[in-house]
Amino acid sequence: RFALTAARARLTRAATIAAAVTAMAGCGGAGDGVSIGSGQDPDPVVLDFPIAYVRAPLAVDDDGEFQPDDAREQITFNFGADLLFRDRASPSALDVNITERETGGLGAVRDIEISYDGTTILFAMRGPVDENLDLDDEDQPTWNIWEYEIETDILRRVIASDLTAEIGHDVAPHYLPDGRIIFSSTRQLRSNAVLLDEGKPQFPAQDEDGNEDAFLLHVMNSDGTGIEQVSYNQSHDMDATVLSNGQVVFSRWDNAITNNAINLYRMNPDGSALELLYGQNSHATGTNGEIVHFLEPRELEDGRIMALVRPFTDTDDGGDIVGAGSCAG
C-alpha cells in the first residue's frame, strides 16, 4: 500500500509499454466493412489495418524495482494508462489518445475488444484517480466498461448511470453475436438476489484467498441495461470470448481445498451447459515443468484455442501465446 503522491513520482521514472495490441480486423476481414489504413496504394501487396492498443507505465516501486503482477488480482490498477489508436500498424502512423479526454492521464485501461464489423472498440477503464486517496481506497473510481466509435470519435461509458456503474467493478468485456456484452464483474447480482430472498444482508462474496471480491460473468444490453449474472464460482471467472458454435469460452480460477489453478471452461451465453474445456491435468507444462495457467482464450480459424500461458506471478503482464486442441474436443 502506498500513497498516491509516491505513485505519481515513480511514474516519471517509468518507461511506457504498448500492451494488449489488437488488430482492427473484423471476423470476415476487410470485405466485411473494415477499411484498410490510409496512405496505402489502391492495391497494396500487404494490407495494413488500423490498430488500437494500451500504452501504460511499467509497474515499479519507489526504488525503481519492477513489481510482479498477479493473474488472480483483477481490481489492481497501475494508473497512467490510456487507449491509443493508429490508422495504420506502422511506426510512421500518428497515434491518437482516445481516453485522455476522460482520464487526464490519471486512469487505467485494459481488455481491448473489437466489434465484429470493426467499427467500435470495447474496453475496461478506471479513473481518473482521486489524488487525495491511496490507490486501494474503496472510494476510488471502479472499473467500468467503455465503448469508442471510430468513425464518429464518440467515447461513452456503456452504463450511463453513475450509481449503477459504481455498484461493482466491471472488466474484460466481449461482444456477443446478438449485440449484448458479456463481461466479468464483482456485482454478483443473482447471488445477492438469493441472499435478499432469504432475508439475509447482501454482500459481495470474496475469492477464496480472501483478497478481493470475486469476479463473475454477467451479460448486459449494448446500452448498459438488462444486467444479468450468468456464472457462479467461488473465485474469478474472466476473459470470456465467443466460439464459432455460439458458446462462450473463459478462464476460471478454481481454488478449492487442494485445487488452485486457472483452467479454461465453456458454456452457453446464458450460463447453461457449463463444462471444463482444458487445463485440469496440464498445468505442469511450463519451462522445466513450471506450473502455468491458461488465460485470455481465443478461437483460431481452424478451431484450435489460443491462450496466454503463464504462472500466477512474475511475468510483468506477459506470458507465452500458445494454440492447441479444438473447441469441439
C-alpha atoms as a PDB file:
ATOM      1  CA  ARG A   1       0.000   0.000   0.000  1.00  0.00           C
ATOM      2  CA  PHE A   2       1.364   3.353  -0.904  1.00  0.00           C
ATOM      3  CA  ALA A   3       0.282   6.945  -1.145  1.00  0.00           C
ATOM      4  CA  LEU A   4      -0.824   8.368  -4.455  1.00  0.00           C
ATOM      5  CA  THR A   5       1.866  11.051  -4.375  1.00  0.00           C
ATOM      6  CA  ALA A   6       4.578   8.386  -4.230  1.00  0.00           C
ATOM      7  CA  ALA A   7       2.940   6.509  -7.066  1.00  0.00           C
ATOM      8  CA  ARG A   8       2.869   9.620  -9.231  1.00  0.00           C
ATOM      9  CA  ALA A   9       6.535  10.322  -8.541  1.00  0.00           C
ATOM     10  CA  ARG A  10       7.592   6.889  -9.734  1.00  0.00           C
ATOM     11  CA  LEU A  11       5.676   7.279 -12.973  1.00  0.00           C
ATOM     12  CA  THR A  12       8.115   9.949 -14.110  1.00  0.00           C
ATOM     13  CA  ARG A  13      10.849   7.296 -13.938  1.00  0.00           C
ATOM     14  CA  ALA A  14       8.890   4.536 -15.625  1.00  0.00           C
ATOM     15  CA  ALA A  15       9.148   3.689 -19.285  1.00  0.00           C
ATOM     16  CA  THR A  16       5.938   3.195 -21.242  1.00  0.00           C
ATOM     17  CA  ILE A  17       4.988  -0.026 -22.935  1.00  0.00           C
ATOM     18  CA  ALA A  18       2.475  -0.981 -25.593  1.00  0.00           C
ATOM     19  CA  ALA A  19       0.293  -3.785 -24.250  1.00  0.00           C
ATOM     20  CA  ALA A  20      -2.709  -5.742 -25.458  1.00  0.00           C
ATOM     21  CA  VAL A  21      -2.181  -4.862 -29.113  1.00  0.00           C
ATOM     22  CA  THR A  22      -5.298  -5.616 -31.134  1.00  0.00           C
ATOM     23  CA  ALA A  23      -5.635  -5.535 -34.922  1.00  0.00           C
ATOM     24  CA  MET A  24      -8.739  -3.760 -36.135  1.00  0.00           C
ATOM     25  CA  ALA A  25      -9.949  -6.536 -38.416  1.00  0.00           C
ATOM     26  CA  GLY A  26     -13.499  -7.865 -38.250  1.00  0.00           C
ATOM     27  CA  CYS A  27     -14.311 -11.550 -38.334  1.00  0.00           C
ATOM     28  CA  GLY A  28     -14.503 -11.702 -42.091  1.00  0.00           C
ATOM     29  CA  GLY A  29     -11.640  -9.325 -42.927  1.00  0.00           C
ATOM     30  CA  ALA A  30     -11.719  -6.115 -44.934  1.00  0.00           C
ATOM     31  CA  GLY A  31     -14.619  -7.256 -47.063  1.00  0.00           C
ATOM     32  CA  ASP A  32     -16.989  -7.017 -44.098  1.00  0.00           C
ATOM     33  CA  GLY A  33     -16.687  -3.262 -43.762  1.00  0.00           C
ATOM     34  CA  VAL A  34     -13.295  -2.837 -42.100  1.00  0.00           C
ATOM     35  CA  SER A  35     -11.262  -0.388 -44.152  1.00  0.00           C
ATOM     36  CA  ILE A  36      -7.536  -0.708 -44.653  1.00  0.00           C
ATOM     37  CA  GLY A  37      -5.336   2.002 -43.206  1.00  0.00           C
ATOM     38  CA  SER A  38      -4.819   5.267 -45.047  1.00  0.00           C
ATOM     39  CA  GLY A  39      -1.703   6.104 -47.040  1.00  0.00           C
ATOM     40  CA  GLN A  40      -1.614   2.787 -48.899  1.00  0.00           C
ATOM     41  CA  ASP A  41      -1.694   2.075 -52.613  1.00  0.00           C
ATOM     42  CA  PRO A  42      -5.119   1.176 -54.043  1.00  0.00           C
ATOM     43  CA  ASP A  43      -3.966  -2.439 -54.327  1.00  0.00           C
ATOM     44  CA  PRO A  44      -1.225  -2.897 -51.714  1.00  0.00           C
ATOM     45  CA  VAL A  45       0.747  -6.129 -51.603  1.00  0.00           C
ATOM     46  CA  VAL A  46       0.296  -6.291 -47.812  1.00  0.00           C
ATOM     47  CA  LEU A  47      -2.822  -4.831 -46.195  1.00  0.00           C
ATOM     48  CA  ASP A  48      -2.075  -2.572 -43.257  1.00  0.00           C
ATOM     49  CA  PHE A  49      -5.029  -2.366 -40.870  1.00  0.00           C
ATOM     50  CA  PRO A  50      -5.635   0.187 -38.121  1.00  0.00           C
ATOM     51  CA  ILE A  51      -4.749  -0.922 -34.587  1.00  0.00           C
ATOM     52  CA  ALA A  52      -5.774   0.000 -31.058  1.00  0.00           C
ATOM     53  CA  TYR A  53      -3.524  -0.626 -28.081  1.00  0.00           C
ATOM     54  CA  VAL A  54      -2.885   0.293 -24.454  1.00  0.00           C
ATOM     55  CA  ARG A  55       0.131   2.384 -23.538  1.00  0.00           C
ATOM     56  CA  ALA A  56       0.902   2.009 -19.852  1.00  0.00           C
ATOM     57  CA  PRO A  57       3.723   2.755 -17.405  1.00  0.00           C
ATOM     58  CA  LEU A  58       5.770  -0.121 -16.083  1.00  0.00           C
ATOM     59  CA  ALA A  59       4.863  -1.065 -12.519  1.00  0.00           C
ATOM     60  CA  VAL A  60       7.835  -0.168 -10.337  1.00  0.00           C
ATOM     61  CA  ASP A  61       8.262   0.617  -6.643  1.00  0.00           C
ATOM     62  CA  ASP A  62       9.907   3.694  -5.149  1.00  0.00           C
ATOM     63  CA  ASP A  63      13.329   2.123  -5.697  1.00  0.00           C
ATOM     64  CA  GLY A  64      12.677   1.519  -9.391  1.00  0.00           C
ATOM     65  CA  GLU A  65      12.233  -2.252  -8.975  1.00  0.00           C
ATOM     66  CA  PHE A  66       9.619  -3.964 -11.112  1.00  0.00           C
ATOM     67  CA  GLN A  67       6.527  -5.128  -9.240  1.00  0.00           C
ATOM     68  CA  PRO A  68       5.235  -8.529 -10.424  1.00  0.00           C
ATOM     69  CA  ASP A  69       1.609  -8.704 -11.461  1.00  0.00           C
ATOM     70  CA  ASP A  70      -0.702 -11.457 -10.240  1.00  0.00           C
ATOM     71  CA  ALA A  71      -3.267 -13.053 -12.552  1.00  0.00           C
ATOM     72  CA  ARG A  72      -5.564 -13.565  -9.551  1.00  0.00           C
ATOM     73  CA  GLU A  73      -5.778  -9.835  -8.784  1.00  0.00           C
ATOM     74  CA  GLN A  74      -8.302  -8.136 -11.046  1.00  0.00           C
ATOM     75  CA  ILE A  75      -9.088  -4.890  -9.197  1.00  0.00           C
ATOM     76  CA  THR A  76      -5.496  -3.662  -9.046  1.00  0.00           C
ATOM     77  CA  PHE A  77      -4.729  -0.687 -11.255  1.00  0.00           C
ATOM     78  CA  ASN A  78      -1.423   0.960 -12.034  1.00  0.00           C
ATOM     79  CA  PHE A  79      -2.636   4.346 -13.236  1.00  0.00           C
ATOM     80  CA  GLY A  80      -1.227   6.279 -16.154  1.00  0.00           C
ATOM     81  CA  ALA A  81      -2.523   4.025 -18.957  1.00  0.00           C
ATOM     82  CA  ASP A  82      -4.565   5.164 -21.966  1.00  0.00           C
ATOM     83  CA  LEU A  83      -6.100   3.649 -25.090  1.00  0.00           C
ATOM     84  CA  LEU A  84      -4.386   4.725 -28.311  1.00  0.00           C
ATOM     85  CA  PHE A  85      -5.426   4.310 -31.934  1.00  0.00           C
ATOM     86  CA  ARG A  86      -3.363   4.286 -35.130  1.00  0.00           C
ATOM     87  CA  ASP A  87      -4.886   4.396 -38.570  1.00  0.00           C
ATOM     88  CA  ARG A  88      -2.145   2.016 -39.717  1.00  0.00           C
ATOM     89  CA  ALA A  89       0.051  -0.523 -37.943  1.00  0.00           C
ATOM     90  CA  SER A  90       3.136   1.433 -38.939  1.00  0.00           C
ATOM     91  CA  PRO A  91       5.796   3.286 -36.937  1.00  0.00           C
ATOM     92  CA  SER A  92       5.169   6.327 -39.129  1.00  0.00           C
ATOM     93  CA  ALA A  93       1.426   6.439 -38.392  1.00  0.00           C
ATOM     94  CA  LEU A  94       0.313   9.045 -35.872  1.00  0.00           C
ATOM     95  CA  ASP A  95      -1.245   7.736 -32.687  1.00  0.00           C
ATOM     96  CA  VAL A  96      -4.382   9.285 -31.217  1.00  0.00           C
ATOM     97  CA  ASN A  97      -5.004   9.126 -27.467  1.00  0.00           C
ATOM     98  CA  ILE A  98      -8.654   8.133 -27.191  1.00  0.00           C
ATOM     99  CA  THR A  99      -9.136   8.114 -23.416  1.00  0.00           C
ATOM    100  CA  GLU A 100      -7.055  11.045 -22.176  1.00  0.00           C
ATOM    101  CA  ARG A 101     -10.123  13.272 -22.503  1.00  0.00           C
ATOM    102  CA  GLU A 102     -11.651  11.233 -19.645  1.00  0.00           C
ATOM    103  CA  THR A 103      -8.607  10.174 -17.619  1.00  0.00           C
ATOM    104  CA  GLY A 104      -6.389  13.253 -17.846  1.00  0.00           C
ATOM    105  CA  GLY A 105      -3.502  10.789 -17.696  1.00  0.00           C
ATOM    106  CA  LEU A 106      -4.700   9.536 -14.294  1.00  0.00           C
ATOM    107  CA  GLY A 107      -6.578   6.412 -15.315  1.00  0.00           C
ATOM    108  CA  ALA A 108      -6.056   2.808 -16.354  1.00  0.00           C
ATOM    109  CA  VAL A 109      -7.195   0.855 -19.419  1.00  0.00           C
ATOM    110  CA  ARG A 110      -7.304  -2.894 -20.126  1.00  0.00           C
ATOM    111  CA  ASP A 111      -9.113  -5.658 -22.043  1.00  0.00           C
ATOM    112  CA  ILE A 112      -9.497  -4.241 -25.568  1.00  0.00           C
ATOM    113  CA  GLU A 113     -12.052  -5.948 -27.820  1.00  0.00           C
ATOM    114  CA  ILE A 114     -13.176  -5.047 -31.335  1.00  0.00           C
ATOM    115  CA  SER A 115     -16.729  -5.271 -32.690  1.00  0.00           C
ATOM    116  CA  TYR A 116     -17.455  -7.893 -35.337  1.00  0.00           C
ATOM    117  CA  ASP A 117     -17.615  -5.229 -38.070  1.00  0.00           C
ATOM    118  CA  GLY A 118     -14.538  -3.390 -36.786  1.00  0.00           C
ATOM    119  CA  THR A 119     -16.359  -0.093 -36.177  1.00  0.00           C
ATOM    120  CA  THR A 120     -16.192   0.112 -32.379  1.00  0.00           C
ATOM    121  CA  ILE A 121     -13.714  -0.647 -29.610  1.00  0.00           C
ATOM    122  CA  LEU A 122     -14.868  -2.103 -26.303  1.00  0.00           C
ATOM    123  CA  PHE A 123     -12.639  -1.950 -23.221  1.00  0.00           C
ATOM    124  CA  ALA A 124     -12.441  -1.530 -19.446  1.00  0.00           C
ATOM    125  CA  MET A 125     -11.303   1.760 -17.929  1.00  0.00           C
ATOM    126  CA  ARG A 126     -10.815   3.054 -14.406  1.00  0.00           C
ATOM    127  CA  GLY A 127     -10.251   6.632 -13.322  1.00  0.00           C
ATOM    128  CA  PRO A 128      -9.399   9.349 -13.087  1.00  0.00           C
ATOM    129  CA  VAL A 129      -7.939   8.621  -9.666  1.00  0.00           C
ATOM    130  CA  ASP A 130      -8.628  10.796  -6.661  1.00  0.00           C
ATOM    131  CA  GLU A 131      -5.239  12.289  -5.830  1.00  0.00           C
ATOM    132  CA  ASN A 132      -6.212  12.703  -2.172  1.00  0.00           C
ATOM    133  CA  LEU A 133      -6.712   8.955  -1.612  1.00  0.00           C
ATOM    134  CA  ASP A 134      -4.499   5.864  -1.664  1.00  0.00           C
ATOM    135  CA  LEU A 135      -4.887   3.775  -4.808  1.00  0.00           C
ATOM    136  CA  ASP A 136      -6.514   0.925  -2.880  1.00  0.00           C
ATOM    137  CA  ASP A 137      -9.065   3.174  -1.159  1.00  0.00           C
ATOM    138  CA  GLU A 138     -12.620   1.904  -1.734  1.00  0.00           C
ATOM    139  CA  ASP A 139     -13.700   5.423  -2.709  1.00  0.00           C
ATOM    140  CA  GLN A 140     -11.519   5.418  -5.814  1.00  0.00           C
ATOM    141  CA  PRO A 141     -13.485   5.002  -9.098  1.00  0.00           C
ATOM    142  CA  THR A 142     -14.399   1.461 -10.087  1.00  0.00           C
ATOM    143  CA  TRP A 143     -13.517  -0.341 -13.298  1.00  0.00           C
ATOM    144  CA  ASN A 144     -16.210   0.376 -15.928  1.00  0.00           C
ATOM    145  CA  ILE A 145     -16.964  -0.826 -19.476  1.00  0.00           C
ATOM    146  CA  TRP A 146     -16.472   1.813 -22.195  1.00  0.00           C
ATOM    147  CA  GLU A 147     -17.045   1.876 -25.954  1.00  0.00           C
ATOM    148  CA  TYR A 148     -15.412   4.016 -28.629  1.00  0.00           C
ATOM    149  CA  GLU A 149     -16.952   4.559 -32.077  1.00  0.00           C
ATOM    150  CA  ILE A 150     -14.120   5.078 -34.524  1.00  0.00           C
ATOM    151  CA  GLU A 151     -15.881   6.986 -37.303  1.00  0.00           C
ATOM    152  CA  THR A 152     -17.681   9.490 -35.058  1.00  0.00           C
ATOM    153  CA  ASP A 153     -14.982   9.742 -32.355  1.00  0.00           C
ATOM    154  CA  ILE A 154     -17.663   9.150 -29.712  1.00  0.00           C
ATOM    155  CA  LEU A 155     -16.428   7.736 -26.384  1.00  0.00           C
ATOM    156  CA  ARG A 156     -19.078   6.582 -23.923  1.00  0.00           C
ATOM    157  CA  ARG A 157     -19.411   4.561 -20.761  1.00  0.00           C
ATOM    158  CA  VAL A 158     -21.770   1.703 -21.581  1.00  0.00           C
ATOM    159  CA  ILE A 159     -23.609   2.016 -18.243  1.00  0.00           C
ATOM    160  CA  ALA A 160     -24.609   5.693 -18.277  1.00  0.00           C
ATOM    161  CA  SER A 161     -25.851   5.975 -14.679  1.00  0.00           C
ATOM    162  CA  ASP A 162     -23.126   6.838 -12.173  1.00  0.00           C
ATOM    163  CA  LEU A 163     -24.992   4.993  -9.434  1.00  0.00           C
ATOM    164  CA  THR A 164     -25.369   1.790 -11.444  1.00  0.00           C
ATOM    165  CA  ALA A 165     -21.842   1.952 -12.843  1.00  0.00           C
ATOM    166  CA  GLU A 166     -20.252   2.228  -9.421  1.00  0.00           C
ATOM    167  CA  ILE A 167     -22.089  -0.763  -7.903  1.00  0.00           C
ATOM    168  CA  GLY A 168     -19.190  -3.055  -8.805  1.00  0.00           C
ATOM    169  CA  HIS A 169     -16.017  -3.454 -10.825  1.00  0.00           C
ATOM    170  CA  ASP A 170     -16.608  -4.412 -14.486  1.00  0.00           C
ATOM    171  CA  VAL A 171     -13.764  -5.710 -16.696  1.00  0.00           C
ATOM    172  CA  ALA A 172     -13.000  -7.971 -19.688  1.00  0.00           C
ATOM    173  CA  PRO A 173     -15.954  -7.133 -21.981  1.00  0.00           C
ATOM    174  CA  HIS A 174     -16.704  -9.010 -25.197  1.00  0.00           C
ATOM    175  CA  TYR A 175     -19.457  -8.593 -27.791  1.00  0.00           C
ATOM    176  CA  LEU A 176     -21.981 -11.413 -28.123  1.00  0.00           C
ATOM    177  CA  PRO A 177     -23.386 -12.136 -31.622  1.00  0.00           C
ATOM    178  CA  ASP A 178     -26.819 -10.796 -30.609  1.00  0.00           C
ATOM    179  CA  GLY A 179     -25.370  -7.367 -29.734  1.00  0.00           C
ATOM    180  CA  ARG A 180     -25.226  -7.841 -25.987  1.00  0.00           C
ATOM    181  CA  ILE A 181     -21.995  -7.667 -23.993  1.00  0.00           C
ATOM    182  CA  ILE A 182     -20.585 -10.365 -21.721  1.00  0.00           C
ATOM    183  CA  PHE A 183     -18.174  -9.171 -19.047  1.00  0.00           C
ATOM    184  CA  SER A 184     -16.630 -10.075 -15.695  1.00  0.00           C
ATOM    185  CA  SER A 185     -17.927  -8.214 -12.644  1.00  0.00           C
ATOM    186  CA  THR A 186     -17.991  -8.126  -8.869  1.00  0.00           C
ATOM    187  CA  ARG A 187     -21.698  -7.216  -8.972  1.00  0.00           C
ATOM    188  CA  GLN A 188     -22.805 -10.809  -8.294  1.00  0.00           C
ATOM    189  CA  LEU A 189     -26.401  -9.754  -8.984  1.00  0.00           C
ATOM    190  CA  ARG A 190     -28.161 -13.107  -8.719  1.00  0.00           C
ATOM    191  CA  SER A 191     -26.029 -14.230  -5.791  1.00  0.00           C
ATOM    192  CA  ASN A 192     -27.117 -11.131  -3.882  1.00  0.00           C
ATOM    193  CA  ALA A 193     -30.724 -11.567  -5.005  1.00  0.00           C
ATOM    194  CA  VAL A 194     -30.725 -15.028  -3.395  1.00  0.00           C
ATOM    195  CA  LEU A 195     -29.491 -13.512  -0.146  1.00  0.00           C
ATOM    196  CA  LEU A 196     -32.252 -10.896  -0.344  1.00  0.00           C
ATOM    197  CA  ASP A 197     -34.900 -13.567  -0.948  1.00  0.00           C
ATOM    198  CA  GLU A 198     -33.636 -15.423   2.121  1.00  0.00           C
ATOM    199  CA  GLY A 199     -33.887 -12.280   4.224  1.00  0.00           C
ATOM    200  CA  LYS A 200     -30.120 -12.018   4.606  1.00  0.00           C
ATOM    201  CA  PRO A 201     -27.977  -8.896   4.133  1.00  0.00           C
ATOM    202  CA  GLN A 202     -26.464  -8.525   0.665  1.00  0.00           C
ATOM    203  CA  PHE A 203     -22.689  -8.638   0.363  1.00  0.00           C
ATOM    204  CA  PRO A 204     -20.174  -9.429  -2.386  1.00  0.00           C
ATOM    205  CA  ALA A 205     -18.508 -12.815  -1.894  1.00  0.00           C
ATOM    206  CA  GLN A 206     -14.728 -12.684  -1.879  1.00  0.00           C
ATOM    207  CA  ASP A 207     -12.412 -15.048  -3.711  1.00  0.00           C
ATOM    208  CA  GLU A 208     -11.164 -17.981  -1.699  1.00  0.00           C
ATOM    209  CA  ASP A 209      -7.893 -16.236  -0.942  1.00  0.00           C
ATOM    210  CA  GLY A 210      -9.948 -13.520   0.758  1.00  0.00           C
ATOM    211  CA  ASN A 211      -8.052 -10.949  -1.278  1.00  0.00           C
ATOM    212  CA  GLU A 212     -10.786  -9.216  -3.301  1.00  0.00           C
ATOM    213  CA  ASP A 213     -14.411  -9.578  -4.379  1.00  0.00           C
ATOM    214  CA  ALA A 214     -14.944 -12.446  -6.811  1.00  0.00           C
ATOM    215  CA  PHE A 215     -15.400 -11.505 -10.482  1.00  0.00           C
ATOM    216  CA  LEU A 216     -18.199 -13.489 -12.158  1.00  0.00           C
ATOM    217  CA  LEU A 217     -19.597 -13.392 -15.683  1.00  0.00           C
ATOM    218  CA  HIS A 218     -22.542 -11.103 -16.438  1.00  0.00           C
ATOM    219  CA  VAL A 219     -24.331 -10.028 -19.622  1.00  0.00           C
ATOM    220  CA  MET A 220     -25.975  -6.713 -20.467  1.00  0.00           C
ATOM    221  CA  ASN A 221     -27.557  -4.933 -23.408  1.00  0.00           C
ATOM    222  CA  SER A 222     -25.459  -2.593 -25.530  1.00  0.00           C
ATOM    223  CA  ASP A 223     -26.955   0.389 -23.670  1.00  0.00           C
ATOM    224  CA  GLY A 224     -25.985  -0.980 -20.253  1.00  0.00           C
ATOM    225  CA  THR A 225     -29.467  -2.191 -19.289  1.00  0.00           C
ATOM    226  CA  GLY A 226     -30.654  -5.710 -18.525  1.00  0.00           C
ATOM    227  CA  ILE A 227     -27.615  -6.795 -16.492  1.00  0.00           C
ATOM    228  CA  GLU A 228     -27.752 -10.495 -15.548  1.00  0.00           C
ATOM    229  CA  GLN A 229     -25.290 -12.779 -13.779  1.00  0.00           C
ATOM    230  CA  VAL A 230     -24.596 -15.962 -15.788  1.00  0.00           C
ATOM    231  CA  SER A 231     -21.753 -17.717 -13.939  1.00  0.00           C
ATOM    232  CA  TYR A 232     -21.187 -18.831 -10.362  1.00  0.00           C
ATOM    233  CA  ASN A 233     -17.799 -19.567  -8.851  1.00  0.00           C
ATOM    234  CA  GLN A 234     -16.047 -19.203  -5.514  1.00  0.00           C
ATOM    235  CA  SER A 235     -13.230 -17.269  -7.204  1.00  0.00           C
ATOM    236  CA  HIS A 236     -12.825 -15.403 -10.511  1.00  0.00           C
ATOM    237  CA  ASP A 237     -14.431 -16.134 -13.899  1.00  0.00           C
ATOM    238  CA  MET A 238     -12.809 -13.884 -16.518  1.00  0.00           C
ATOM    239  CA  ASP A 239     -11.764 -13.240 -20.135  1.00  0.00           C
ATOM    240  CA  ALA A 240     -14.922 -14.555 -21.812  1.00  0.00           C
ATOM    241  CA  THR A 241     -14.976 -14.772 -25.604  1.00  0.00           C
ATOM    242  CA  VAL A 242     -17.325 -16.297 -28.178  1.00  0.00           C
ATOM    243  CA  LEU A 243     -16.683 -19.543 -30.080  1.00  0.00           C
ATOM    244  CA  SER A 244     -17.840 -20.209 -33.643  1.00  0.00           C
ATOM    245  CA  ASN A 245     -20.503 -22.605 -32.316  1.00  0.00           C
ATOM    246  CA  GLY A 246     -22.089 -19.795 -30.278  1.00  0.00           C
ATOM    247  CA  GLN A 247     -20.766 -20.928 -26.906  1.00  0.00           C
ATOM    248  CA  VAL A 248     -18.561 -18.861 -24.604  1.00  0.00           C
ATOM    249  CA  VAL A 249     -15.052 -19.900 -23.528  1.00  0.00           C
ATOM    250  CA  PHE A 250     -13.463 -18.287 -20.463  1.00  0.00           C
ATOM    251  CA  SER A 251     -10.798 -18.631 -17.785  1.00  0.00           C
ATOM    252  CA  ARG A 252     -11.916 -19.862 -14.358  1.00  0.00           C
ATOM    253  CA  TRP A 253      -9.823 -19.699 -11.225  1.00  0.00           C
ATOM    254  CA  ASP A 254     -10.575 -22.998  -9.478  1.00  0.00           C
ATOM    255  CA  ASN A 255      -9.435 -22.586  -5.895  1.00  0.00           C
ATOM    256  CA  ALA A 256     -10.992 -25.101  -3.539  1.00  0.00           C
ATOM    257  CA  ILE A 257      -9.311 -27.366  -0.992  1.00  0.00           C
ATOM    258  CA  THR A 258      -6.096 -28.571  -2.711  1.00  0.00           C
ATOM    259  CA  ASN A 259      -7.018 -27.190  -6.139  1.00  0.00           C
ATOM    260  CA  ASN A 260      -5.561 -23.810  -7.084  1.00  0.00           C
ATOM    261  CA  ALA A 261      -5.327 -23.246 -10.834  1.00  0.00           C
ATOM    262  CA  ILE A 262      -6.809 -21.274 -13.736  1.00  0.00           C
ATOM    263  CA  ASN A 263      -8.470 -23.533 -16.308  1.00  0.00           C
ATOM    264  CA  LEU A 264     -10.458 -22.982 -19.498  1.00  0.00           C
ATOM    265  CA  TYR A 265     -14.219 -23.588 -19.374  1.00  0.00           C
ATOM    266  CA  ARG A 266     -17.021 -23.240 -21.886  1.00  0.00           C
ATOM    267  CA  MET A 267     -20.766 -22.715 -21.586  1.00  0.00           C
ATOM    268  CA  ASN A 268     -23.757 -21.221 -23.374  1.00  0.00           C
ATOM    269  CA  PRO A 269     -24.114 -17.414 -23.077  1.00  0.00           C
ATOM    270  CA  ASP A 270     -26.934 -17.895 -20.558  1.00  0.00           C
ATOM    271  CA  GLY A 271     -24.671 -19.974 -18.286  1.00  0.00           C
ATOM    272  CA  SER A 272     -26.098 -23.381 -19.173  1.00  0.00           C
ATOM    273  CA  ALA A 273     -24.102 -26.423 -20.369  1.00  0.00           C
ATOM    274  CA  LEU A 274     -21.047 -25.452 -18.310  1.00  0.00           C
ATOM    275  CA  GLU A 275     -18.068 -27.793 -18.699  1.00  0.00           C
ATOM    276  CA  LEU A 276     -14.313 -27.900 -18.209  1.00  0.00           C
ATOM    277  CA  LEU A 277     -12.576 -27.451 -21.566  1.00  0.00           C
ATOM    278  CA  TYR A 278      -8.847 -27.633 -20.808  1.00  0.00           C
ATOM    279  CA  GLY A 279      -6.264 -27.457 -18.068  1.00  0.00           C
ATOM    280  CA  GLN A 280      -7.132 -29.921 -15.343  1.00  0.00           C
ATOM    281  CA  ASN A 281      -4.060 -32.122 -15.876  1.00  0.00           C
ATOM    282  CA  SER A 282      -1.938 -29.749 -17.930  1.00  0.00           C
ATOM    283  CA  HIS A 283      -0.513 -27.207 -15.501  1.00  0.00           C
ATOM    284  CA  ALA A 284       2.979 -28.688 -15.062  1.00  0.00           C
ATOM    285  CA  THR A 285       3.766 -27.926 -18.704  1.00  0.00           C
ATOM    286  CA  GLY A 286       5.821 -24.763 -18.405  1.00  0.00           C
ATOM    287  CA  THR A 287       9.568 -24.485 -18.930  1.00  0.00           C
ATOM    288  CA  ASN A 288      11.296 -27.201 -16.895  1.00  0.00           C
ATOM    289  CA  GLY A 289       7.927 -28.343 -15.587  1.00  0.00           C
ATOM    290  CA  GLU A 290       6.951 -24.959 -14.186  1.00  0.00           C
ATOM    291  CA  ILE A 291       3.295 -24.628 -13.139  1.00  0.00           C
ATOM    292  CA  VAL A 292       1.372 -22.489 -15.627  1.00  0.00           C
ATOM    293  CA  HIS A 293      -2.212 -21.328 -16.069  1.00  0.00           C
ATOM    294  CA  PHE A 294      -4.454 -20.555 -19.044  1.00  0.00           C
ATOM    295  CA  LEU A 295      -5.892 -17.097 -19.644  1.00  0.00           C
ATOM    296  CA  GLU A 296      -7.431 -14.935 -22.384  1.00  0.00           C
ATOM    297  CA  PRO A 297      -8.594 -17.758 -24.685  1.00  0.00           C
ATOM    298  CA  ARG A 298      -9.429 -17.044 -28.336  1.00  0.00           C
ATOM    299  CA  GLU A 299     -10.619 -19.409 -31.061  1.00  0.00           C
ATOM    300  CA  LEU A 300      -8.461 -19.606 -34.179  1.00  0.00           C
ATOM    301  CA  GLU A 301      -9.882 -20.038 -37.675  1.00  0.00           C
ATOM    302  CA  ASP A 302      -9.005 -23.746 -37.681  1.00  0.00           C
ATOM    303  CA  GLY A 303     -10.957 -24.378 -34.475  1.00  0.00           C
ATOM    304  CA  ARG A 304      -7.983 -24.529 -32.119  1.00  0.00           C
ATOM    305  CA  ILE A 305      -7.920 -22.427 -28.965  1.00  0.00           C
ATOM    306  CA  MET A 306      -5.195 -19.837 -28.484  1.00  0.00           C
ATOM    307  CA  ALA A 307      -4.464 -18.824 -24.892  1.00  0.00           C
ATOM    308  CA  LEU A 308      -1.964 -16.905 -22.814  1.00  0.00           C
ATOM    309  CA  VAL A 309       0.047 -19.399 -20.737  1.00  0.00           C
ATOM    310  CA  ARG A 310       1.755 -18.017 -17.650  1.00  0.00           C
ATOM    311  CA  PRO A 311       2.389 -18.590 -13.925  1.00  0.00           C
ATOM    312  CA  PHE A 312       0.306 -16.688 -11.394  1.00  0.00           C
ATOM    313  CA  THR A 313       3.011 -14.047 -10.892  1.00  0.00           C
ATOM    314  CA  ASP A 314       6.373 -12.721 -12.090  1.00  0.00           C
ATOM    315  CA  THR A 315       5.506 -12.172 -15.761  1.00  0.00           C
ATOM    316  CA  ASP A 316       5.038  -8.380 -15.754  1.00  0.00           C
ATOM    317  CA  ASP A 317       1.751  -8.744 -17.688  1.00  0.00           C
ATOM    318  CA  GLY A 318       3.390 -11.222 -20.063  1.00  0.00           C
ATOM    319  CA  GLY A 319       3.273 -14.908 -20.832  1.00  0.00           C
ATOM    320  CA  ASP A 320       3.513 -17.255 -23.803  1.00  0.00           C
ATOM    321  CA  ILE A 321       0.847 -17.320 -26.515  1.00  0.00           C
ATOM    322  CA  VAL A 322       0.078 -20.929 -27.448  1.00  0.00           C
ATOM    323  CA  GLY A 323      -2.550 -22.642 -29.561  1.00  0.00           C
ATOM    324  CA  ALA A 324      -3.593 -26.251 -29.245  1.00  0.00           C
ATOM    325  CA  GLY A 325      -6.612 -28.501 -29.258  1.00  0.00           C
ATOM    326  CA  SER A 326     -10.064 -27.837 -30.655  1.00  0.00           C
ATOM    327  CA  CYS A 327     -13.062 -26.096 -29.159  1.00  0.00           C
ATOM    328  CA  ALA A 328     -15.056 -29.153 -30.130  1.00  0.00           C
ATOM    329  CA  GLY A 329     -12.718 -31.576 -28.349  1.00  0.00           C
END
